[in-house]
Amino acid sequence: MAKPIVAIVGRPNVGKSTLFNRLAGQRISIVQDTPGVTRDRVYAKADWLNYNFTIIDTGGIEPERDDIIVKQMRRQANIAIETADVIIFVVDGKEGLTAADEEVANMLRKSKKDVVLVVNKVDSMKEVENAWEFYNLGIGEPIAISASQGLNIGDMLDRVVENFDKFNEEEEEDEYIRIAMIGKPNVGKSSLINRLLGEERLIVSDVPGTTRDSIDSVLETEEGKFILVDTAGIRRKSKVKEEVERYSVIRTYAAIERADVCILMIDATEGVTEQDEKIVGYAHEMNKAIMVIVNKWDLIEKDDKTMQKYLEDIQTNLKFLKYAKYLFISAKTGQRTHKVLEIAKECYDNYCKRIQTGVLNDVISKAVLMNEPPLVGIKRMKIYYATQVATKPPKFVLFVNDASARHFSYERYLENQLRESFDFSGTGIQIEYRERKE
């Protein structure tokens, strides 16, 4: 089940980024082999009271002239309304109510989204009364906080997660597999979707999705039922122009979060670029099922060794994606496009795979016998028991004597043993270590 998405909106300089960083800083994860994943981030994972959710920062708009502030705020609020399940609307308690705040509040009030009104920069109890005037916005009771000092952040999150139960109740078990096509602009994402839709000639309709700047298409085939999401291509940061493309980036991240399978499309004539690494790095960090498609293969001069050499080059550049499924196609000519959904379904099945506890512990025990955990200082990790606690992605918990005694190389070894024993090709997996006293 997809995690709820929470967007932080508000005019410039009200403390959106400060709030985002405070919430993200507690849970943000760093993936060493994924260049750029943890830099210039606009989303972050967070949890509160056993709820897991994703935060999106819609900040960063700095209008050059005061007379265009309302126009830019309207655009920002629209994106938040379309993308998020819950919206945190941040206003400035020191500056007070402004016309821009009222403009955004009008839009949020007309939407069907849940809004939590947050009055920031209330640094002491004496200033709490500054929040009262924001009742005039008509979108509920304001919560006074200080993002910089961390005051009342817990009360704010309590209010946010209250809306998640409704989100989960409304979200039924989806029989459709959501596939997000990701990659740079002009690599052939739309061409492939059109090819798939045109060839299958089955049930095709437009459905509303979290990425409103693209059309999500429903497709039913012998392989299963799919929703194909054509995301906007992400350009290099130097080429991202102000708000419009920044919001396309936000929408793409949201689409990745919602997806079951992410298909990275690479232009065969260009090869893997740094931007490809960054785009798929987000999907890798979320442990999504991942497939890599090399498009425009018809334009490459080749012999019987070209494909293998090209694949080795890709895996060298995307060394953190050795588990991904790979396919070489031409969306233009239709070469191998009939295999796209078949392989995507294989990735999805592994994404949903569950291993029996007894079989899992047999594999872990044999792995330890073949190669026991190394000493870390004067400590050696001992594994008592293993169990799978979740799917989408598969998540395993290993109960150990001392979690601090684990070594990254041994963690990688155990992951490789699980992948070799149970075929988790095409999907990320999670392994968590929990201490259990003797």
Protein backbone atom coordinates (compact mmCIF):
# COMPACT_ATOMS: atom_id res chain seq x y z
CA MET A 1 0.00 0.00 0.00
CA ALA A 2 1.37 3.42 -0.97
CA LYS A 3 2.37 5.75 1.83
CA PRO A 4 0.44 9.01 2.25
CA ILE A 5 2.06 12.12 0.79
CA VAL A 6 2.21 15.32 2.85
CA ALA A 7 3.03 18.60 1.07
CA ILE A 8 4.32 21.69 2.86
CA VAL A 9 3.06 24.89 1.24
CA GLY A 10 3.23 28.58 2.06
CA ARG A 11 4.61 31.83 0.75
CA PRO A 12 8.35 32.56 0.80
CA ASN A 13 10.19 33.01 4.09
CA VAL A 14 7.54 31.53 6.37
CA GLY A 15 9.83 28.64 7.36
CA LYS A 16 8.75 25.83 5.03
CA SER A 17 12.27 24.58 4.43
CA THR A 18 13.13 24.83 8.12
CA LEU A 19 10.11 22.68 8.95
CA PHE A 20 10.90 20.24 6.13
CA ASN A 21 14.50 19.86 7.27
CA ARG A 22 13.47 19.30 10.87
CA LEU A 23 11.05 16.56 9.87
CA ALA A 24 13.39 15.03 7.28
CA GLY A 25 16.55 15.27 9.36
CA GLN A 26 15.41 12.60 11.78
CA ARG A 27 14.71 9.92 9.21
CA ILE A 28 16.66 10.74 6.08
CA SER A 29 18.78 7.88 4.75
CA ILE A 30 22.04 8.10 2.83
CA VAL A 31 22.73 5.60 0.07
CA GLN A 32 26.48 5.65 -0.54
CA ASP A 33 26.45 4.17 -4.02
CA THR A 34 23.76 6.46 -5.37
CA PRO A 35 25.26 9.76 -6.55
CA GLY A 36 23.22 12.83 -5.74
CA VAL A 37 20.32 11.05 -4.08
CA THR A 38 20.65 12.88 -0.77
CA ARG A 39 21.46 16.28 -2.27
CA ASP A 40 18.97 18.98 -3.17
CA ARG A 41 16.19 16.69 -2.04
CA VAL A 42 12.57 17.80 -2.39
CA TYR A 43 11.09 14.77 -0.65
CA ALA A 44 11.88 12.79 2.48
CA LYS A 45 10.61 9.80 4.39
CA ALA A 46 9.14 10.42 7.83
CA ASP A 47 7.19 8.56 10.49
CA TRP A 48 5.13 9.44 13.52
CA LEU A 49 3.14 7.19 15.87
CA ASN A 50 3.82 4.14 13.67
CA TYR A 51 2.61 5.94 10.55
CA ASN A 52 5.00 6.11 7.60
CA PHE A 53 4.58 8.90 5.08
CA THR A 54 6.42 11.01 2.54
CA ILE A 55 7.00 14.76 2.91
CA ILE A 56 7.30 17.00 -0.14
CA ASP A 57 8.84 20.45 0.09
CA THR A 58 7.20 22.86 -2.34
CA GLY A 59 9.43 25.74 -1.23
CA GLY A 60 12.08 27.61 -3.12
CA ILE A 61 9.95 30.12 -5.01
CA GLU A 62 11.47 33.56 -4.68
CA PRO A 63 9.52 35.99 -6.86
CA GLU A 64 11.59 38.76 -8.40
CA ARG A 65 8.82 41.30 -7.98
CA ASP A 66 6.19 41.62 -5.28
CA ASP A 67 3.40 42.04 -7.83
CA ILE A 68 3.68 38.43 -9.03
CA ILE A 69 3.60 36.80 -5.60
CA VAL A 70 -0.08 35.86 -5.83
CA LYS A 71 0.39 34.24 -9.25
CA GLN A 72 3.30 32.14 -8.06
CA MET A 73 1.54 31.17 -4.83
CA ARG A 74 -1.47 30.04 -6.86
CA ARG A 75 0.76 27.76 -8.93
CA GLN A 76 2.45 26.33 -5.84
CA ALA A 77 -0.84 25.64 -4.09
CA ASN A 78 -2.25 23.96 -7.20
CA ILE A 79 0.62 21.51 -7.31
CA ALA A 80 0.20 20.68 -3.64
CA ILE A 81 -3.54 20.17 -4.06
CA GLU A 82 -3.00 17.77 -6.97
CA THR A 83 -0.13 15.78 -5.49
CA ALA A 84 -0.67 15.48 -1.75
CA ASP A 85 -3.06 13.57 0.48
CA VAL A 86 -2.58 16.00 3.38
CA ILE A 87 -1.35 19.59 3.15
CA ILE A 88 0.57 21.48 5.82
CA PHE A 89 -0.15 25.16 5.18
CA VAL A 90 2.56 27.27 6.85
CA VAL A 91 2.05 30.94 7.71
CA ASP A 92 4.24 33.45 9.54
CA GLY A 93 3.16 34.20 13.10
CA LYS A 94 5.45 37.20 13.42
CA GLU A 95 4.39 38.91 10.20
CA GLY A 96 0.72 38.09 10.59
CA LEU A 97 -2.02 37.43 8.05
CA THR A 98 -1.28 38.57 4.47
CA ALA A 99 -3.20 38.76 1.21
CA ALA A 100 -1.07 35.94 -0.21
CA ASP A 101 -2.06 33.71 2.71
CA GLU A 102 -5.72 34.44 2.01
CA GLU A 103 -5.29 33.65 -1.69
CA VAL A 104 -3.87 30.20 -0.96
CA ALA A 105 -6.42 29.54 1.77
CA ASN A 106 -9.23 30.22 -0.70
CA MET A 107 -7.91 27.51 -3.00
CA LEU A 108 -7.32 25.01 -0.22
CA ARG A 109 -10.79 25.60 1.20
CA LYS A 110 -12.35 24.72 -2.16
CA SER A 111 -10.33 21.52 -2.48
CA LYS A 112 -11.26 18.19 -0.95
CA LYS A 113 -7.84 17.75 0.63
CA ASP A 114 -7.20 17.73 4.36
CA VAL A 115 -5.32 20.86 5.46
CA VAL A 116 -3.38 21.41 8.69
CA LEU A 117 -2.87 25.14 9.32
CA VAL A 118 0.48 25.82 10.99
CA VAL A 119 1.52 29.20 12.39
CA ASN A 120 5.31 29.18 12.43
CA LYS A 121 7.83 31.39 14.27
CA VAL A 122 5.87 31.32 17.51
CA ASP A 123 8.91 31.00 19.74
CA SER A 124 7.29 31.40 23.17
CA MET A 125 3.96 30.99 24.92
CA LYS A 126 3.62 34.76 25.03
CA GLU A 127 3.39 34.79 21.23
CA VAL A 128 0.71 32.08 20.94
CA GLU A 129 -2.01 34.71 20.72
CA ASN A 130 -0.43 35.75 17.40
CA ALA A 131 -2.01 32.64 15.90
CA TRP A 132 -5.57 33.69 16.67
CA GLU A 133 -6.01 35.98 13.67
CA PHE A 134 -5.42 33.02 11.32
CA TYR A 135 -8.84 31.64 12.27
CA ASN A 136 -10.03 34.18 9.69
CA LEU A 137 -8.66 31.97 6.92
CA GLY A 138 -11.56 29.58 7.48
CA ILE A 139 -9.60 26.34 7.13
CA GLY A 140 -9.61 25.09 10.68
CA GLU A 141 -7.85 25.64 13.98
CA PRO A 142 -4.28 26.96 13.64
CA ILE A 143 -1.43 25.21 15.44
CA ALA A 144 1.32 27.47 16.76
CA ILE A 145 4.83 26.03 16.30
CA SER A 146 8.46 27.02 16.07
CA ALA A 147 10.17 24.96 13.35
CA SER A 148 13.57 26.33 14.29
CA GLN A 149 13.23 25.41 17.97
CA GLY A 150 11.09 22.30 17.51
CA LEU A 151 8.21 23.61 19.64
CA ASN A 152 4.83 21.85 19.23
CA ILE A 153 6.05 19.77 16.26
CA GLY A 154 4.54 16.69 17.91
CA ASP A 155 1.12 18.33 18.20
CA MET A 156 1.31 19.28 14.54
CA LEU A 157 2.18 15.71 13.50
CA ASP A 158 -0.65 14.35 15.64
CA ARG A 159 -3.03 16.47 13.60
CA VAL A 160 -1.43 15.36 10.33
CA VAL A 161 -1.63 11.61 10.98
CA GLU A 162 -5.24 11.85 12.14
CA ASN A 163 -6.09 12.10 8.44
CA PHE A 164 -4.19 8.94 7.46
CA ASP A 165 -6.80 6.52 8.79
CA LYS A 166 -9.28 7.98 6.33
CA PHE A 167 -6.67 7.75 3.59
CA ASN A 168 -6.09 4.06 4.29
CA GLU A 169 -9.80 3.28 4.56
CA GLU A 170 -10.52 4.89 1.20
CA GLU A 171 -7.64 3.11 -0.51
CA GLU A 172 -8.81 -0.36 -1.48
CA GLU A 173 -6.47 -3.19 -2.35
CA ASP A 174 -5.58 -2.23 -5.89
CA GLU A 175 -5.65 -5.06 -8.39
CA TYR A 176 -3.71 -2.92 -10.85
CA ILE A 177 0.08 -2.84 -11.03
CA ARG A 178 1.28 0.77 -11.16
CA ILE A 179 4.23 1.28 -13.50
CA ALA A 180 6.02 4.63 -13.55
CA MET A 181 8.05 5.40 -16.67
CA ILE A 182 10.98 7.52 -15.49
CA GLY A 183 13.95 9.04 -17.24
CA LYS A 184 15.22 12.17 -18.93
CA PRO A 185 13.09 14.03 -21.48
CA ASN A 186 12.90 12.61 -25.00
CA VAL A 187 14.13 9.10 -24.28
CA GLY A 188 10.91 7.54 -25.59
CA LYS A 189 8.71 7.06 -22.51
CA SER A 190 5.55 8.28 -24.24
CA SER A 191 6.39 6.38 -27.42
CA LEU A 192 6.67 3.12 -25.51
CA ILE A 193 3.35 3.66 -23.72
CA ASN A 194 1.65 4.44 -27.01
CA ARG A 195 3.19 1.31 -28.54
CA LEU A 196 1.93 -0.82 -25.65
CA LEU A 197 -1.53 0.67 -25.78
CA GLY A 198 -1.74 0.35 -29.55
CA GLU A 199 -0.62 -3.25 -29.71
CA GLU A 200 -2.70 -4.64 -26.87
CA ARG A 201 -6.03 -3.28 -28.15
CA LEU A 202 -7.77 -4.13 -24.88
CA ILE A 203 -9.32 -1.96 -22.19
CA VAL A 204 -7.77 1.51 -22.29
CA SER A 205 -9.07 4.53 -20.38
CA ASP A 206 -7.77 7.64 -18.70
CA VAL A 207 -7.81 7.63 -14.92
CA PRO A 208 -6.90 10.41 -12.49
CA GLY A 209 -3.52 9.87 -10.90
CA THR A 210 -1.14 11.66 -8.60
CA THR A 211 0.75 13.08 -11.58
CA ARG A 212 -1.75 15.35 -13.28
CA ASP A 213 0.72 16.69 -15.82
CA SER A 214 0.55 13.31 -17.56
CA ILE A 215 -2.11 10.81 -18.48
CA ASP A 216 -2.25 7.58 -16.53
CA SER A 217 -3.48 4.82 -18.82
CA VAL A 218 -5.20 1.60 -17.76
CA LEU A 219 -4.25 -1.50 -19.70
CA GLU A 220 -5.39 -5.11 -19.29
CA THR A 221 -3.35 -7.89 -20.88
CA GLU A 222 -2.69 -11.59 -20.40
CA GLU A 223 0.13 -10.61 -18.01
CA GLY A 224 -2.24 -8.66 -15.75
CA LYS A 225 -3.85 -5.27 -15.18
CA PHE A 226 -1.60 -2.24 -15.33
CA ILE A 227 -1.66 1.50 -14.85
CA LEU A 228 1.04 3.11 -16.98
CA VAL A 229 2.23 6.49 -15.68
CA ASP A 230 4.12 8.70 -18.11
CA THR A 231 6.16 11.01 -15.89
CA ALA A 232 7.71 14.26 -16.99
CA GLY A 233 11.39 13.96 -17.78
CA ILE A 234 13.78 15.42 -15.21
CA ARG A 235 16.47 17.70 -16.61
CA ARG A 236 19.81 18.52 -15.06
CA LYS A 237 19.48 21.01 -12.22
CA SER A 238 21.25 23.70 -14.26
CA LYS A 239 18.50 23.43 -16.86
CA VAL A 240 15.56 23.45 -14.48
CA LYS A 241 13.81 26.76 -14.89
CA GLU A 242 12.03 28.15 -11.82
CA GLU A 243 8.63 26.83 -10.78
CA VAL A 244 7.13 24.88 -13.67
CA GLU A 245 9.87 22.32 -14.16
CA ARG A 246 10.60 22.20 -10.43
CA TYR A 247 7.03 21.04 -9.92
CA SER A 248 7.39 18.46 -12.69
CA VAL A 249 10.26 17.07 -10.63
CA ILE A 250 8.06 16.98 -7.52
CA ARG A 251 5.33 15.18 -9.46
CA THR A 252 7.83 12.63 -10.76
CA TYR A 253 9.04 11.86 -7.24
CA ALA A 254 5.42 11.47 -6.13
CA ALA A 255 4.76 9.10 -9.05
CA ILE A 256 7.79 7.00 -8.05
CA GLU A 257 6.50 6.86 -4.48
CA ARG A 258 3.10 5.62 -5.71
CA ALA A 259 4.49 3.09 -8.19
CA ASP A 260 4.97 -0.63 -7.75
CA VAL A 261 7.42 -0.91 -10.64
CA CYS A 262 9.67 1.88 -11.94
CA ILE A 263 10.99 1.57 -15.47
CA LEU A 264 14.06 3.68 -16.17
CA MET A 265 14.35 4.43 -19.87
CA ILE A 266 17.81 5.14 -21.28
CA ASP A 267 18.63 6.48 -24.73
CA ALA A 268 20.94 3.92 -26.35
CA THR A 269 22.67 6.65 -28.36
CA GLU A 270 23.60 8.56 -25.18
CA GLY A 271 24.21 5.78 -22.68
CA VAL A 272 23.87 6.19 -18.91
CA THR A 273 24.15 9.79 -17.71
CA GLU A 274 24.51 11.26 -14.25
CA GLN A 275 20.90 12.35 -14.45
CA ASP A 276 19.80 8.75 -15.12
CA GLU A 277 21.65 7.71 -11.96
CA LYS A 278 19.93 10.38 -9.92
CA ILE A 279 16.43 9.62 -11.23
CA VAL A 280 16.61 5.87 -10.65
CA GLY A 281 18.44 6.51 -7.36
CA TYR A 282 15.19 7.76 -5.84
CA ALA A 283 13.40 4.57 -6.85
CA HIS A 284 16.32 2.49 -5.51
CA GLU A 285 16.25 4.33 -2.20
CA MET A 286 12.54 3.56 -1.88
CA ASN A 287 13.27 -0.13 -2.62
CA LYS A 288 10.87 -0.21 -5.55
CA ALA A 289 10.78 -2.93 -8.17
CA ILE A 290 13.02 -1.61 -10.94
CA MET A 291 13.45 -2.39 -14.61
CA VAL A 292 15.93 -0.66 -16.93
CA ILE A 293 14.99 -0.33 -20.60
CA VAL A 294 17.52 0.74 -23.22
CA ASN A 295 15.48 2.37 -25.99
CA LYS A 296 16.46 3.28 -29.58
CA TRP A 297 18.47 0.07 -29.88
CA ASP A 298 17.72 0.08 -33.61
CA LEU A 299 20.06 3.10 -33.99
CA ILE A 300 23.11 1.24 -32.65
CA GLU A 301 25.56 -0.52 -34.94
CA LYS A 302 26.10 -3.91 -33.37
CA ASP A 303 27.49 -7.40 -33.56
CA ASP A 304 26.92 -10.48 -31.41
CA LYS A 305 28.83 -8.95 -28.47
CA THR A 306 27.45 -5.41 -28.52
CA MET A 307 24.48 -6.02 -26.20
CA GLN A 308 26.53 -7.82 -23.55
CA LYS A 309 29.20 -5.10 -23.55
CA TYR A 310 26.54 -2.38 -23.36
CA LEU A 311 24.88 -4.18 -20.45
CA GLU A 312 28.18 -4.44 -18.59
CA ASP A 313 28.77 -0.72 -19.09
CA ILE A 314 25.31 0.10 -17.70
CA GLN A 315 25.80 -2.11 -14.66
CA THR A 316 29.17 -0.49 -14.03
CA ASN A 317 27.57 2.96 -14.00
CA LEU A 318 24.51 1.77 -12.08
CA LYS A 319 26.43 -0.52 -9.74
CA PHE A 320 23.79 -0.14 -7.04
CA LEU A 321 21.21 -1.65 -9.44
CA LYS A 322 22.66 -5.07 -10.11
CA TYR A 323 19.35 -6.63 -9.07
CA ALA A 324 17.35 -4.76 -11.74
CA LYS A 325 15.90 -6.41 -14.85
CA TYR A 326 17.27 -5.14 -18.17
CA LEU A 327 15.74 -5.05 -21.66
CA PHE A 328 16.90 -3.59 -24.99
CA ILE A 329 14.09 -2.33 -27.23
CA SER A 330 13.04 0.05 -29.96
CA ALA A 331 9.75 1.75 -29.19
CA LYS A 332 9.74 3.09 -32.74
CA THR A 333 10.00 -0.27 -34.53
CA GLY A 334 8.44 -2.40 -31.78
CA GLN A 335 11.55 -4.52 -31.28
CA ARG A 336 11.14 -6.57 -28.05
CA THR A 337 8.39 -4.26 -26.75
CA HIS A 338 6.17 -7.33 -26.30
CA LYS A 339 8.46 -8.36 -23.42
CA VAL A 340 8.09 -5.11 -21.42
CA LEU A 341 4.97 -6.00 -19.44
CA GLU A 342 6.02 -9.62 -19.05
CA ILE A 343 9.28 -8.63 -17.37
CA ALA A 344 7.59 -5.84 -15.37
CA LYS A 345 5.19 -8.46 -14.00
CA GLU A 346 8.16 -10.64 -12.97
CA CYS A 347 9.61 -7.67 -11.08
CA TYR A 348 6.26 -7.05 -9.41
CA ASP A 349 5.86 -10.70 -8.37
CA ASN A 350 9.26 -10.60 -6.67
CA TYR A 351 8.30 -7.26 -5.09
CA CYS A 352 5.34 -9.06 -3.50
CA LYS A 353 7.18 -12.29 -2.62
CA ARG A 354 6.86 -13.72 0.89
CA ILE A 355 9.23 -16.34 2.32
CA GLN A 356 8.21 -18.90 4.95
CA THR A 357 9.93 -18.29 8.27
CA GLY A 358 11.38 -21.78 8.54
CA VAL A 359 12.89 -21.68 5.05
CA LEU A 360 14.25 -18.20 5.68
CA ASN A 361 16.01 -19.25 8.89
CA ASP A 362 17.51 -22.28 7.14
CA VAL A 363 19.10 -20.00 4.54
CA ILE A 364 20.40 -17.55 7.15
CA SER A 365 21.81 -20.38 9.28
CA LYS A 366 23.63 -21.90 6.30
CA ALA A 367 24.98 -18.49 5.34
CA VAL A 368 26.39 -18.01 8.85
CA LEU A 369 27.95 -21.49 8.82
CA MET A 370 29.69 -20.75 5.51
CA ASN A 371 30.85 -17.32 6.61
CA GLU A 372 30.42 -16.18 10.21
CA PRO A 373 30.08 -12.48 11.04
CA PRO A 374 33.43 -10.70 11.42
CA LEU A 375 34.69 -9.11 14.61
CA VAL A 376 33.84 -5.43 14.88
CA GLY A 377 36.26 -4.16 17.50
CA ILE A 378 35.89 -6.77 20.20
CA LYS A 379 32.29 -7.67 19.32
CA ARG A 380 30.87 -10.30 17.01
CA MET A 381 27.26 -10.21 15.88
CA LYS A 382 25.18 -13.29 16.61
CA ILE A 383 21.97 -13.89 14.64
CA TYR A 384 19.23 -15.59 16.67
CA TYR A 385 16.25 -15.52 14.35
CA ALA A 386 14.94 -14.07 11.10
CA THR A 387 11.45 -13.32 9.86
CA GLN A 388 9.80 -11.47 6.97
CA VAL A 389 7.56 -8.69 8.24
CA ALA A 390 6.34 -7.04 5.01
CA THR A 391 6.13 -7.13 1.23
CA LYS A 392 6.19 -4.35 -1.37
CA PRO A 393 9.16 -4.36 -0.86
CA PRO A 394 10.11 -7.58 0.96
CA LYS A 395 11.31 -6.59 4.43
CA PHE A 396 13.20 -8.89 6.76
CA VAL A 397 14.03 -8.47 10.44
CA LEU A 398 17.07 -10.23 11.90
CA PHE A 399 17.15 -10.48 15.69
CA VAL A 400 20.74 -10.19 16.91
CA ASN A 401 22.70 -9.81 20.14
CA ASP A 402 24.27 -6.45 19.24
CA ALA A 403 23.21 -4.45 16.18
CA SER A 404 26.27 -2.20 16.49
CA ALA A 405 28.51 -5.22 15.81
CA ARG A 406 27.33 -5.64 12.23
CA HIS A 407 29.66 -4.80 9.34
CA PHE A 408 28.48 -3.34 6.03
CA SER A 409 30.28 -6.05 4.05
CA TYR A 410 28.46 -8.74 6.02
CA GLU A 411 25.14 -7.01 5.50
CA ARG A 412 25.82 -7.09 1.77
CA TYR A 413 26.78 -10.77 2.04
CA LEU A 414 23.49 -11.66 3.74
CA GLU A 415 21.50 -9.71 1.17
CA ASN A 416 23.28 -11.55 -1.63
CA GLN A 417 22.50 -14.89 0.03
CA LEU A 418 18.81 -13.99 0.22
CA ARG A 419 18.76 -12.88 -3.41
CA GLU A 420 20.51 -16.04 -4.62
CA SER A 421 18.26 -18.33 -2.58
CA PHE A 422 14.89 -16.76 -3.33
CA ASP A 423 15.28 -14.83 -6.61
CA PHE A 424 14.56 -11.24 -5.68
CA SER A 425 15.71 -10.05 -9.10
CA GLY A 426 14.01 -6.84 -10.16
CA THR A 427 13.15 -5.59 -6.68
CA GLY A 428 14.79 -3.89 -3.75
CA ILE A 429 14.68 -5.57 -0.35
CA GLN A 430 15.07 -4.28 3.20
CA ILE A 431 16.94 -5.93 6.06
CA GLU A 432 16.55 -4.55 9.58
CA TYR A 433 18.61 -5.61 12.57
CA ARG A 434 17.01 -5.62 16.00
CA GLU A 435 18.67 -6.44 19.28
CA ARG A 436 17.35 -9.28 21.39
CA LYS A 437 19.08 -9.85 24.68
CA GLU A 438 20.42 -13.28 25.57
